[in-house]
Amino acid sequence: LHSTERSCLLRELHRFESIAIAQEKLEVAPPSPGQLKHVFFHNALPFVGFGFLDNAIMIAAGTQIELSIGVVLGISTMAGKHCQIQNRLFLFSCSSSLAGYVEALASRLGLSIPDLTPKQADMWQTRLSAHLGKAIGVTVGCILGMFPLLFFGDEEEKLEEKK
């Protein structure tokens, strides 16, 4: 069978299995450790991309946004650092527009949807694995997205040397 036919057949089998479960004729086993690992990575990888973009854009563009919008609105540097409204507005528009690309890249990397029944997908183990994947993924992505900080120290030192 072609991959689209296989996925259609699998979907229909899950639907019939769900009906049998709803009628309590079939008991569902909890997800295996391999399935839980698949759920974890399925949720973690897109969030690594999102965390990376979120932090990298915030760090790289934050100073420029603060200088441009802060000057126009007459906001002092300290006030701009405390409220950071302009940073968040810019970041939200960038990251929300890039979210589709991150998910598309994850699917191109072969990240398929975990093969779980609806009952298994609703079990506490699966939900825990998904939430841990998201939390750890965004944490790793944010740490990786801090790379622009490596370049800011050099600029500040050069400015101090010129003075």
Protein backbone atom coordinates (compact mmCIF):
# COMPACT_ATOMS: atom_id res chain seq x y z
CA LEU A 1 0.00 0.00 0.00
CA HIS A 2 1.04 3.58 -0.64
CA SER A 3 1.84 5.73 2.41
CA THR A 4 -1.41 7.72 2.10
CA GLU A 5 -3.41 4.49 1.82
CA ARG A 6 -1.62 3.07 4.88
CA SER A 7 -2.36 6.17 6.93
CA CYS A 8 -6.02 6.12 5.82
CA LEU A 9 -6.31 2.44 6.77
CA LEU A 10 -4.66 3.09 10.12
CA ARG A 11 -7.04 5.97 10.80
CA GLU A 12 -10.05 3.77 10.07
CA LEU A 13 -8.70 0.99 12.29
CA HIS A 14 -8.27 3.48 15.12
CA ARG A 15 -11.82 4.69 14.57
CA PHE A 16 -13.23 1.17 14.83
CA GLU A 17 -11.02 0.47 17.82
CA SER A 18 -12.32 3.63 19.48
CA ILE A 19 -15.90 2.52 18.92
CA ALA A 20 -15.11 -0.86 20.49
CA ILE A 21 -13.45 0.84 23.45
CA ALA A 22 -16.41 3.17 23.87
CA GLN A 23 -18.68 0.14 23.97
CA GLU A 24 -16.28 -1.33 26.54
CA LYS A 25 -15.67 -4.46 24.47
CA LEU A 26 -11.94 -3.88 24.24
CA GLU A 27 -9.49 -2.94 26.95
CA VAL A 28 -6.57 -0.72 26.04
CA ALA A 29 -3.05 -1.29 27.28
CA PRO A 30 -1.05 1.75 28.38
CA PRO A 31 1.43 3.11 25.85
CA SER A 32 4.76 1.33 25.63
CA PRO A 33 8.01 3.10 26.59
CA GLY A 34 8.83 3.37 22.88
CA GLN A 35 5.51 5.06 22.17
CA LEU A 36 6.02 7.44 25.10
CA LYS A 37 9.48 8.28 23.77
CA HIS A 38 7.95 8.97 20.36
CA VAL A 39 5.34 11.26 21.97
CA PHE A 40 8.13 13.05 23.88
CA PHE A 41 10.22 13.75 20.76
CA HIS A 42 7.16 14.56 18.65
CA ASN A 43 6.39 17.37 21.11
CA ALA A 44 9.97 18.38 21.95
CA LEU A 45 11.46 19.00 18.50
CA PRO A 46 9.06 21.72 17.34
CA PHE A 47 9.44 23.44 20.71
CA VAL A 48 13.24 23.37 20.39
CA GLY A 49 12.80 25.29 17.14
CA PHE A 50 10.30 27.67 18.68
CA GLY A 51 12.46 28.31 21.78
CA PHE A 52 15.51 28.88 19.59
CA LEU A 53 13.72 31.39 17.36
CA ASP A 54 12.04 33.05 20.33
CA ASN A 55 15.26 33.71 22.22
CA ALA A 56 17.45 34.47 19.21
CA ILE A 57 15.01 37.03 17.82
CA MET A 58 14.45 38.58 21.23
CA ILE A 59 18.16 39.00 21.89
CA ALA A 60 19.17 40.05 18.39
CA ALA A 61 16.32 42.45 17.71
CA GLY A 62 15.61 43.61 21.26
CA THR A 63 18.28 46.29 21.35
CA GLN A 64 17.36 47.68 17.94
CA ILE A 65 13.66 47.77 18.77
CA GLU A 66 14.37 49.48 22.06
CA LEU A 67 16.54 52.11 20.37
CA SER A 68 14.13 52.82 17.51
CA ILE A 69 10.69 52.68 19.16
CA GLY A 70 12.00 53.88 22.52
CA VAL A 71 13.42 57.03 20.90
CA VAL A 72 10.25 57.71 18.90
CA LEU A 73 8.00 57.33 21.95
CA GLY A 74 10.39 59.18 24.22
CA ILE A 75 10.82 56.24 26.55
CA SER A 76 14.01 56.16 28.59
CA THR A 77 16.27 53.16 28.33
CA MET A 78 15.33 52.05 31.84
CA ALA A 79 11.60 52.31 31.11
CA GLY A 80 12.09 50.41 27.87
CA LYS A 81 13.90 47.64 29.68
CA HIS A 82 11.20 47.32 32.31
CA CYS A 83 8.12 47.21 30.12
CA GLN A 84 9.56 45.65 26.92
CA ILE A 85 6.16 45.83 25.27
CA GLN A 86 7.69 46.64 21.92
CA ASN A 87 9.98 43.60 22.13
CA ARG A 88 7.13 41.23 22.86
CA LEU A 89 4.93 42.61 20.07
CA PHE A 90 7.68 42.18 17.52
CA LEU A 91 8.65 38.76 18.85
CA PHE A 92 5.07 37.50 18.86
CA SER A 93 4.53 38.51 15.25
CA CYS A 94 7.82 36.90 14.16
CA SER A 95 7.50 33.66 16.11
CA SER A 96 3.84 33.10 15.24
CA SER A 97 4.60 33.54 11.54
CA LEU A 98 7.57 31.14 11.80
CA ALA A 99 5.70 28.46 13.79
CA GLY A 100 4.31 26.85 10.64
CA TYR A 101 7.79 26.59 9.16
CA VAL A 102 9.13 24.94 12.32
CA GLU A 103 6.35 22.33 12.24
CA ALA A 104 6.87 21.74 8.51
CA LEU A 105 10.59 21.23 9.10
CA ALA A 106 9.85 18.76 11.90
CA SER A 107 7.59 16.74 9.61
CA ARG A 108 10.26 16.80 6.88
CA LEU A 109 12.75 15.40 9.38
CA GLY A 110 10.47 12.37 9.61
CA LEU A 111 8.69 13.32 12.79
CA SER A 112 5.45 11.43 12.36
CA ILE A 113 2.41 11.47 14.60
CA PRO A 114 2.71 8.83 17.34
CA ASP A 115 0.73 5.67 16.66
CA LEU A 116 -1.68 5.73 19.61
CA THR A 117 -5.32 5.00 20.06
CA PRO A 118 -7.47 7.89 21.26
CA LYS A 119 -7.74 6.19 24.67
CA GLN A 120 -3.93 5.85 24.90
CA ALA A 121 -3.48 9.46 23.82
CA ASP A 122 -5.67 10.54 26.71
CA MET A 123 -3.82 8.53 29.37
CA TRP A 124 -1.83 10.37 32.03
CA GLN A 125 1.46 8.81 30.88
CA THR A 126 1.01 10.17 27.38
CA ARG A 127 -0.01 13.63 28.57
CA LEU A 128 2.97 13.73 30.95
CA SER A 129 5.35 12.69 28.18
CA ALA A 130 3.93 15.36 25.87
CA HIS A 131 4.19 18.13 28.48
CA LEU A 132 7.73 17.11 29.43
CA GLY A 133 8.70 17.10 25.76
CA LYS A 134 7.33 20.62 25.30
CA ALA A 135 8.98 21.96 28.47
CA ILE A 136 12.37 20.40 27.82
CA GLY A 137 12.20 21.27 24.12
CA VAL A 138 11.55 24.96 24.71
CA THR A 139 14.24 25.04 27.43
CA VAL A 140 16.86 23.52 25.12
CA GLY A 141 15.74 25.82 22.30
CA CYS A 142 16.03 28.91 24.50
CA ILE A 143 19.51 27.91 25.61
CA LEU A 144 20.58 27.36 22.00
CA GLY A 145 18.92 30.63 21.03
CA MET A 146 21.23 32.55 23.35
CA PHE A 147 24.02 32.42 20.75
CA PRO A 148 23.64 36.13 19.80
CA LEU A 149 24.99 36.97 23.27
CA LEU A 150 28.38 35.71 22.10
CA PHE A 151 28.57 38.66 19.70
CA PHE A 152 27.32 41.46 21.99
CA GLY A 153 30.30 41.40 24.35
CA ASP A 154 32.70 42.24 21.52
CA GLU A 155 30.66 45.26 20.39
CA GLU A 156 30.50 46.74 23.89
CA GLU A 157 34.25 46.27 24.35
CA LYS A 158 34.96 48.00 21.02
CA LEU A 159 32.74 50.95 21.99
CA GLU A 160 34.54 51.30 25.32
CA GLU A 161 37.93 51.19 23.59
CA LYS A 162 36.91 53.98 21.19
CA LYS A 163 35.94 56.21 24.13
